[in-house]
PDB file of N, CA and C in Angstrom:
ATOM      1  N   MET A   1     107.332  99.997 120.444  1.00  0.00           N
ATOM      2  CA  MET A   1     108.163 100.456 119.354  1.00  0.00           C
ATOM      3  C   MET A   1     108.308 101.970 119.436  1.00  0.00           C
ATOM      4  N   GLU A   2     109.503 102.408 119.316  1.00  0.00           N
ATOM      5  CA  GLU A   2     109.754 103.847 119.305  1.00  0.00           C
ATOM      6  C   GLU A   2     109.645 104.366 117.880  1.00  0.00           C
ATOM      7  N   ARG A   3     108.800 105.349 117.668  1.00  0.00           N
ATOM      8  CA  ARG A   3     108.608 105.912 116.328  1.00  0.00           C
ATOM      9  C   ARG A   3     109.827 106.728 115.930  1.00  0.00           C
ATOM     10  N   PHE A   4     110.035 106.836 114.644  1.00  0.00           N
ATOM     11  CA  PHE A   4     111.162 107.590 114.104  1.00  0.00           C
ATOM     12  C   PHE A   4     110.694 108.360 112.881  1.00  0.00           C
ATOM     13  N   THR A   5     111.492 109.315 112.471  1.00  0.00           N
ATOM     14  CA  THR A   5     111.208 110.098 111.274  1.00  0.00           C
ATOM     15  C   THR A   5     112.447 110.098 110.406  1.00  0.00           C
ATOM     16  N   ILE A   6     112.242 109.801 109.128  1.00  0.00           N
ATOM     17  CA  ILE A   6     113.349 109.877 108.187  1.00  0.00           C
ATOM     18  C   ILE A   6     113.050 110.979 107.182  1.00  0.00           C
ATOM     19  N   SER A   7     114.097 111.430 106.495  1.00  0.00           N
ATOM     20  CA  SER A   7     113.919 112.438 105.448  1.00  0.00           C
ATOM     21  C   SER A   7     114.636 111.956 104.197  1.00  0.00           C
ATOM     22  N   GLY A   8     114.261 112.531 103.081  1.00  0.00           N
ATOM     23  CA  GLY A   8     114.825 112.123 101.803  1.00  0.00           C
ATOM     24  C   GLY A   8     116.304 112.394 101.656  1.00  0.00           C
ATOM     25  N   ASP A   9     116.818 113.350 102.407  1.00  0.00           N
ATOM     26  CA  ASP A   9     118.238 113.672 102.258  1.00  0.00           C
ATOM     27  C   ASP A   9     119.144 112.802 103.126  1.00  0.00           C
ATOM     28  N   GLU A  10     118.549 111.911 103.905  1.00  0.00           N
ATOM     29  CA  GLU A  10     119.372 111.014 104.729  1.00  0.00           C
ATOM     30  C   GLU A  10     120.017 109.938 103.861  1.00  0.00           C
ATOM     31  N   ASN A  11     121.205 109.556 104.239  1.00  0.00           N
ATOM     32  CA  ASN A  11     121.956 108.526 103.535  1.00  0.00           C
ATOM     33  C   ASN A  11     121.246 107.180 103.673  1.00  0.00           C
ATOM     34  N   MET A  12     121.108 106.486 102.547  1.00  0.00           N
ATOM     35  CA  MET A  12     120.396 105.211 102.499  1.00  0.00           C
ATOM     36  C   MET A  12     120.962 104.200 103.497  1.00  0.00           C
ATOM     37  N   SER A  13     122.249 103.998 103.496  1.00  0.00           N
ATOM     38  CA  SER A  13     122.841 102.981 104.377  1.00  0.00           C
ATOM     39  C   SER A  13     122.723 103.358 105.849  1.00  0.00           C
ATOM     40  N   GLU A  14     122.777 104.650 106.152  1.00  0.00           N
ATOM     41  CA  GLU A  14     122.638 105.087 107.548  1.00  0.00           C
ATOM     42  C   GLU A  14     121.215 104.850 108.059  1.00  0.00           C
ATOM     43  N   VAL A  15     120.222 105.118 107.204  1.00  0.00           N
ATOM     44  CA  VAL A  15     118.830 104.877 107.592  1.00  0.00           C
ATOM     45  C   VAL A  15     118.625 103.393 107.864  1.00  0.00           C
ATOM     46  N   ILE A  16     119.139 102.541 106.994  1.00  0.00           N
ATOM     47  CA  ILE A  16     118.976 101.097 107.163  1.00  0.00           C
ATOM     48  C   ILE A  16     119.716 100.610 108.404  1.00  0.00           C
ATOM     49  N   ALA A  17     120.861 101.186 108.687  1.00  0.00           N
ATOM     50  CA  ALA A  17     121.608 100.799 109.893  1.00  0.00           C
ATOM     51  C   ALA A  17     120.835 101.166 111.159  1.00  0.00           C
ATOM     52  N   LYS A  18     120.201 102.349 111.161  1.00  0.00           N
ATOM     53  CA  LYS A  18     119.446 102.797 112.340  1.00  0.00           C
ATOM     54  C   LYS A  18     118.082 102.128 112.438  1.00  0.00           C
ATOM     55  N   HIS A  19     117.479 101.830 111.277  1.00  0.00           N
ATOM     56  CA  HIS A  19     116.113 101.303 111.233  1.00  0.00           C
ATOM     57  C   HIS A  19     116.055 100.155 110.221  1.00  0.00           C
ATOM     58  N   PRO A  20     116.606  98.992 110.566  1.00  0.00           N
ATOM     59  CA  PRO A  20     116.693  97.891 109.597  1.00  0.00           C
ATOM     60  C   PRO A  20     115.348  97.445 109.042  1.00  0.00           C
ATOM     61  N   GLU A  21     114.268  97.693 109.770  1.00  0.00           N
ATOM     62  CA  GLU A  21     112.950  97.302 109.281  1.00  0.00           C
ATOM     63  C   GLU A  21     112.573  98.039 107.997  1.00  0.00           C
ATOM     64  N   VAL A  22     113.180  99.185 107.740  1.00  0.00           N
ATOM     65  CA  VAL A  22     112.905  99.959 106.536  1.00  0.00           C
ATOM     66  C   VAL A  22     113.395  99.216 105.291  1.00  0.00           C
ATOM     67  N   ALA A  23     114.391  98.374 105.436  1.00  0.00           N
ATOM     68  CA  ALA A  23     114.916  97.617 104.295  1.00  0.00           C
ATOM     69  C   ALA A  23     113.824  96.801 103.624  1.00  0.00           C
ATOM     70  N   THR A  24     112.912  96.255 104.398  1.00  0.00           N
ATOM     71  CA  THR A  24     111.817  95.455 103.843  1.00  0.00           C
ATOM     72  C   THR A  24     110.953  96.297 102.917  1.00  0.00           C
ATOM     73  N   VAL A  25     110.619  97.505 103.349  1.00  0.00           N
ATOM     74  CA  VAL A  25     109.799  98.397 102.522  1.00  0.00           C
ATOM     75  C   VAL A  25     110.527  98.702 101.221  1.00  0.00           C
ATOM     76  N   LEU A  26     111.787  99.050 101.320  1.00  0.00           N
ATOM     77  CA  LEU A  26     112.557  99.424 100.137  1.00  0.00           C
ATOM     78  C   LEU A  26     112.663  98.258  99.161  1.00  0.00           C
ATOM     79  N   MET A  27     112.924  97.087  99.665  1.00  0.00           N
ATOM     80  CA  MET A  27     113.027  95.918  98.790  1.00  0.00           C
ATOM     81  C   MET A  27     111.677  95.577  98.173  1.00  0.00           C
ATOM     82  N   ASP A  28     110.606  95.727  98.927  1.00  0.00           N
ATOM     83  CA  ASP A  28     109.263  95.432  98.412  1.00  0.00           C
ATOM     84  C   ASP A  28     108.870  96.332  97.248  1.00  0.00           C
ATOM     85  N   ILE A  29     109.425  97.531  97.182  1.00  0.00           N
ATOM     86  CA  ILE A  29     109.072  98.439  96.091  1.00  0.00           C
ATOM     87  C   ILE A  29     110.106  98.421  94.963  1.00  0.00           C
ATOM     88  N   GLY A  30     111.020  97.463  95.006  1.00  0.00           N
ATOM     89  CA  GLY A  30     111.951  97.293  93.903  1.00  0.00           C
ATOM     90  C   GLY A  30     113.333  97.867  94.113  1.00  0.00           C
ATOM     91  N   MET A  31     113.629  98.308  95.315  1.00  0.00           N
ATOM     92  CA  MET A  31     114.966  98.846  95.587  1.00  0.00           C
ATOM     93  C   MET A  31     115.828  97.744  96.209  1.00  0.00           C
ATOM     94  N   GLY A  32     116.006  96.668  95.448  1.00  0.00           N
ATOM     95  CA  GLY A  32     116.765  95.516  95.932  1.00  0.00           C
ATOM     96  C   GLY A  32     118.245  95.774  96.073  1.00  0.00           C
ATOM     97  N   CYS A  33     118.698  96.894  95.597  1.00  0.00           N
ATOM     98  CA  CYS A  33     120.132  97.196  95.657  1.00  0.00           C
ATOM     99  C   CYS A  33     120.478  98.002  96.913  1.00  0.00           C
ATOM    100  N   ILE A  34     119.665  97.898  97.941  1.00  0.00           N
ATOM    101  CA  ILE A  34     119.890  98.722  99.129  1.00  0.00           C
ATOM    102  C   ILE A  34     121.228  98.454  99.803  1.00  0.00           C
ATOM    103  N   TYR A  35     121.797  97.301  99.541  1.00  0.00           N
ATOM    104  CA  TYR A  35     123.092  96.989 100.152  1.00  0.00           C
ATOM    105  C   TYR A  35     124.243  97.118  99.161  1.00  0.00           C
ATOM    106  N   CYS A  36     123.976  97.682  97.988  1.00  0.00           N
ATOM    107  CA  CYS A  36     125.043  97.847  97.003  1.00  0.00           C
ATOM    108  C   CYS A  36     125.935  99.031  97.405  1.00  0.00           C
ATOM    109  N   PRO A  37     127.103  99.130  96.817  1.00  0.00           N
ATOM    110  CA  PRO A  37     128.008 100.225  97.174  1.00  0.00           C
ATOM    111  C   PRO A  37     127.404 101.623  97.008  1.00  0.00           C
ATOM    112  N   ALA A  38     126.520 101.799  96.030  1.00  0.00           N
ATOM    113  CA  ALA A  38     125.922 103.119  95.817  1.00  0.00           C
ATOM    114  C   ALA A  38     125.118 103.559  97.029  1.00  0.00           C
ATOM    115  N   SER A  39     124.544 102.617  97.754  1.00  0.00           N
ATOM    116  CA  SER A  39     123.730 102.981  98.918  1.00  0.00           C
ATOM    117  C   SER A  39     124.565 103.614 100.020  1.00  0.00           C
ATOM    118  N   GLN A  40     125.861 103.437  99.955  1.00  0.00           N
ATOM    119  CA  GLN A  40     126.745 104.029 100.957  1.00  0.00           C
ATOM    120  C   GLN A  40     126.845 105.541 100.810  1.00  0.00           C
ATOM    121  N   SER A  41     126.595 106.042  99.593  1.00  0.00           N
ATOM    122  CA  SER A  41     126.741 107.476  99.373  1.00  0.00           C
ATOM    123  C   SER A  41     125.469 108.149  98.874  1.00  0.00           C
ATOM    124  N   GLU A  42     124.436 107.368  98.541  1.00  0.00           N
ATOM    125  CA  GLU A  42     123.198 107.953  98.035  1.00  0.00           C
ATOM    126  C   GLU A  42     122.221 108.288  99.150  1.00  0.00           C
ATOM    127  N   SER A  43     121.504 109.371  98.952  1.00  0.00           N
ATOM    128  CA  SER A  43     120.401 109.677  99.857  1.00  0.00           C
ATOM    129  C   SER A  43     119.198 108.844  99.421  1.00  0.00           C
ATOM    130  N   ILE A  44     118.203 108.774 100.273  1.00  0.00           N
ATOM    131  CA  ILE A  44     116.985 108.058  99.907  1.00  0.00           C
ATOM    132  C   ILE A  44     116.355 108.712  98.680  1.00  0.00           C
ATOM    133  N   ALA A  45     116.319 110.037  98.641  1.00  0.00           N
ATOM    134  CA  ALA A  45     115.732 110.742  97.498  1.00  0.00           C
ATOM    135  C   ALA A  45     116.482 110.436  96.209  1.00  0.00           C
ATOM    136  N   GLU A  46     117.799 110.403  96.258  1.00  0.00           N
ATOM    137  CA  GLU A  46     118.587 110.088  95.065  1.00  0.00           C
ATOM    138  C   GLU A  46     118.312 108.670  94.583  1.00  0.00           C
ATOM    139  N   ALA A  47     118.237 107.729  95.505  1.00  0.00           N
ATOM    140  CA  ALA A  47     117.953 106.339  95.138  1.00  0.00           C
ATOM    141  C   ALA A  47     116.561 106.224  94.525  1.00  0.00           C
ATOM    142  N   CYS A  48     115.616 106.988  95.045  1.00  0.00           N
ATOM    143  CA  CYS A  48     114.260 106.969  94.491  1.00  0.00           C
ATOM    144  C   CYS A  48     114.255 107.459  93.047  1.00  0.00           C
ATOM    145  N   VAL A  49     115.010 108.501  92.763  1.00  0.00           N
ATOM    146  CA  VAL A  49     115.084 109.023  91.401  1.00  0.00           C
ATOM    147  C   VAL A  49     115.614 107.938  90.466  1.00  0.00           C
ATOM    148  N   VAL A  50     116.676 107.262  90.871  1.00  0.00           N
ATOM    149  CA  VAL A  50     117.278 106.210  90.051  1.00  0.00           C
ATOM    150  C   VAL A  50     116.269 105.100  89.760  1.00  0.00           C
ATOM    151  N   HIS A  51     115.415 104.805  90.722  1.00  0.00           N
ATOM    152  CA  HIS A  51     114.459 103.701  90.586  1.00  0.00           C
ATOM    153  C   HIS A  51     113.074 104.155  90.137  1.00  0.00           C
ATOM    154  N   GLY A  52     112.904 105.444  89.862  1.00  0.00           N
ATOM    155  CA  GLY A  52     111.627 105.943  89.390  1.00  0.00           C
ATOM    156  C   GLY A  52     110.525 105.896  90.438  1.00  0.00           C
ATOM    157  N   ILE A  53     110.900 106.130  91.687  1.00  0.00           N
ATOM    158  CA  ILE A  53     109.965 106.068  92.814  1.00  0.00           C
ATOM    159  C   ILE A  53     109.741 107.473  93.349  1.00  0.00           C
ATOM    160  N   ASP A  54     108.511 107.781  93.715  1.00  0.00           N
ATOM    161  CA  ASP A  54     108.162 109.076  94.285  1.00  0.00           C
ATOM    162  C   ASP A  54     108.714 109.135  95.714  1.00  0.00           C
ATOM    163  N   ALA A  55     109.782 109.879  95.900  1.00  0.00           N
ATOM    164  CA  ALA A  55     110.456 109.948  97.203  1.00  0.00           C
ATOM    165  C   ALA A  55     109.547 110.507  98.286  1.00  0.00           C
ATOM    166  N   ASP A  56     108.794 111.533  97.967  1.00  0.00           N
ATOM    167  CA  ASP A  56     107.911 112.141  98.973  1.00  0.00           C
ATOM    168  C   ASP A  56     106.862 111.145  99.463  1.00  0.00           C
ATOM    169  N   ALA A  57     106.274 110.399  98.534  1.00  0.00           N
ATOM    170  CA  ALA A  57     105.265 109.402  98.910  1.00  0.00           C
ATOM    171  C   ALA A  57     105.885 108.294  99.761  1.00  0.00           C
ATOM    172  N   LEU A  58     107.086 107.870  99.404  1.00  0.00           N
ATOM    173  CA  LEU A  58     107.771 106.825 100.166  1.00  0.00           C
ATOM    174  C   LEU A  58     108.077 107.293 101.583  1.00  0.00           C
ATOM    175  N   ILE A  59     108.623 108.481 101.712  1.00  0.00           N
ATOM    176  CA  ILE A  59     108.964 109.035 103.032  1.00  0.00           C
ATOM    177  C   ILE A  59     107.701 109.176 103.881  1.00  0.00           C
ATOM    178  N   GLU A  60     106.629 109.684 103.262  1.00  0.00           N
ATOM    179  CA  GLU A  60     105.369 109.845 103.983  1.00  0.00           C
ATOM    180  C   GLU A  60     104.850 108.491 104.475  1.00  0.00           C
ATOM    181  N   TYR A  61     104.931 107.471 103.621  1.00  0.00           N
ATOM    182  CA  TYR A  61     104.480 106.128 104.006  1.00  0.00           C
ATOM    183  C   TYR A  61     105.309 105.580 105.165  1.00  0.00           C
ATOM    184  N   ILE A  62     106.635 105.669 105.057  1.00  0.00           N
ATOM    185  CA  ILE A  62     107.510 105.132 106.108  1.00  0.00           C
ATOM    186  C   ILE A  62     107.285 105.866 107.430  1.00  0.00           C
ATOM    187  N   ASN A  63     107.155 107.171 107.370  1.00  0.00           N
ATOM    188  CA  ASN A  63     106.996 107.960 108.599  1.00  0.00           C
ATOM    189  C   ASN A  63     105.607 107.842 109.217  1.00  0.00           C
ATOM    190  N   GLY A  64     104.648 107.345 108.466  1.00  0.00           N
ATOM    191  CA  GLY A  64     103.282 107.284 108.966  1.00  0.00           C
ATOM    192  C   GLY A  64     102.703 105.886 108.969  1.00  0.00           C
ATOM    193  N   GLU A  65     102.068 105.526 107.869  1.00  0.00           N
ATOM    194  CA  GLU A  65     101.314 104.284 107.775  1.00  0.00           C
ATOM    195  C   GLU A  65     102.161 103.041 108.081  1.00  0.00           C
ATOM    196  N   TYR A  66     103.377 103.006 107.580  1.00  0.00           N
ATOM    197  CA  TYR A  66     104.233 101.836 107.825  1.00  0.00           C
ATOM    198  C   TYR A  66     104.491 101.643 109.314  1.00  0.00           C
ATOM    199  N   GLN A  67     104.794 102.712 110.007  1.00  0.00           N
ATOM    200  CA  GLN A  67     105.055 102.595 111.445  1.00  0.00           C
ATOM    201  C   GLN A  67     103.779 102.261 112.208  1.00  0.00           C
ATOM    202  N   ASP A  68     102.640 102.726 111.708  1.00  0.00           N
ATOM    203  CA  ASP A  68     101.362 102.322 112.307  1.00  0.00           C
ATOM    204  C   ASP A  68     101.185 100.812 112.188  1.00  0.00           C
ATOM    205  N   GLU A  69     101.507 100.273 111.011  1.00  0.00           N
ATOM    206  CA  GLU A  69     101.411  98.833 110.786  1.00  0.00           C
ATOM    207  C   GLU A  69     102.350  98.067 111.721  1.00  0.00           C
ATOM    208  N   LEU A  70     103.561  98.566 111.873  1.00  0.00           N
ATOM    209  CA  LEU A  70     104.513  97.912 112.777  1.00  0.00           C
ATOM    210  C   LEU A  70     104.004  97.904 114.208  1.00  0.00           C
ATOM    211  N   GLU A  71     103.440  99.017 114.635  1.00  0.00           N
ATOM    212  CA  GLU A  71     102.892  99.104 115.994  1.00  0.00           C
ATOM    213  C   GLU A  71     101.744  98.117 116.188  1.00  0.00           C
ATOM    214  N   GLU A  72     100.890  98.006 115.182  1.00  0.00           N
ATOM    215  CA  GLU A  72      99.758  97.076 115.276  1.00  0.00           C
ATOM    216  C   GLU A  72     100.254  95.629 115.357  1.00  0.00           C
ATOM    217  N   ARG A  73     101.246  95.288 114.539  1.00  0.00           N
ATOM    218  CA  ARG A  73     101.819  93.934 114.597  1.00  0.00           C
ATOM    219  C   ARG A  73     102.425  93.648 115.963  1.00  0.00           C
ATOM    220  N   GLU A  74     103.116  94.634 116.512  1.00  0.00           N
ATOM    221  CA  GLU A  74     103.726  94.464 117.826  1.00  0.00           C
ATOM    222  C   GLU A  74     102.653  94.266 118.898  1.00  0.00           C
ATOM    223  N   LYS A  75     101.575  95.009 118.798  1.00  0.00           N
ATOM    224  CA  LYS A  75     100.476  94.879 119.752  1.00  0.00           C
ATOM    225  C   LYS A  75      99.861  93.469 119.682  1.00  0.00           C
ATOM    226  N   ILE A  76      99.631  92.990 118.477  1.00  0.00           N
ATOM    227  CA  ILE A  76      99.066  91.640 118.294  1.00  0.00           C
ATOM    228  C   ILE A  76     100.025  90.588 118.838  1.00  0.00           C
ATOM    229  N   ARG A  77     101.303  90.735 118.534  1.00  0.00           N
ATOM    230  CA  ARG A  77     102.312  89.785 119.021  1.00  0.00           C
ATOM    231  C   ARG A  77     102.342  89.766 120.551  1.00  0.00           C
ATOM    232  N   ASN A  78     102.275  90.925 121.166  1.00  0.00           N
ATOM    233  CA  ASN A  78     102.287  91.002 122.631  1.00  0.00           C
ATOM    234  C   ASN A  78     101.041  90.362 123.232  1.00  0.00           C
ATOM    235  N   GLN A  79      99.896  90.567 122.580  1.00  0.00           N
ATOM    236  CA  GLN A  79      98.662  89.938 123.051  1.00  0.00           C
ATOM    237  C   GLN A  79      98.759  88.416 122.964  1.00  0.00           C
ATOM    238  N   GLN A  80      99.315  87.926 121.863  1.00  0.00           N
ATOM    239  CA  GLN A  80      99.458  86.480 121.688  1.00  0.00           C
ATOM    240  C   GLN A  80     100.410  85.904 122.744  1.00  0.00           C
ATOM    241  N   LEU A  81     101.479  86.596 123.015  1.00  0.00           N
ATOM    242  CA  LEU A  81     102.412  86.120 124.030  1.00  0.00           C
ATOM    243  C   LEU A  81     101.776  86.116 125.401  1.00  0.00           C
ATOM    244  N   ALA A  82     100.979  87.141 125.701  1.00  0.00           N
ATOM    245  CA  ALA A  82     100.292  87.212 126.992  1.00  0.00           C
ATOM    246  C   ALA A  82      99.289  86.060 127.124  1.00  0.00           C
ATOM    247  N   GLU A  83      98.591  85.746 126.059  1.00  0.00           N
ATOM    248  CA  GLU A  83      97.629  84.647 126.075  1.00  0.00           C
ATOM    249  C   GLU A  83      98.331  83.302 126.264  1.00  0.00           C
ATOM    250  N   GLN A  84      99.484  83.149 125.644  1.00  0.00           N
ATOM    251  CA  GLN A  84     100.235  81.893 125.766  1.00  0.00           C
ATOM    252  C   GLN A  84     100.778  81.690 127.181  1.00  0.00           C
ATOM    253  N   SER A  85     101.092  82.776 127.853  1.00  0.00           N
ATOM    254  CA  SER A  85     101.662  82.653 129.196  1.00  0.00           C
ATOM    255  C   SER A  85     100.594  82.429 130.263  1.00  0.00           C
ATOM    256  N   ASN A  86      99.335  82.613 129.906  1.00  0.00           N
ATOM    257  CA  ASN A  86      98.235  82.404 130.871  1.00  0.00           C
ATOM    258  C   ASN A  86      97.768  80.981 130.894  1.00  0.00           C
TER     259      ASN A  86
END
């Protein structure tokens, strides 16, 4: 998995288009409207304000711990596939 960095001023729909896995995080924290028309023009920080979410904490989580979790899942999946092929 190639790591990425997002910022609060990035457009919500553009981030989701480039990194669709981020949609899961956003929906899990109550931002179920990620595909609504407002997401086409809102930044992540603006959407966080509307939903009462700490944008800095969210960005920090996505850029760090969340991607660590994704990498770990990918590693486990690759190990399982290697074991199945043996």
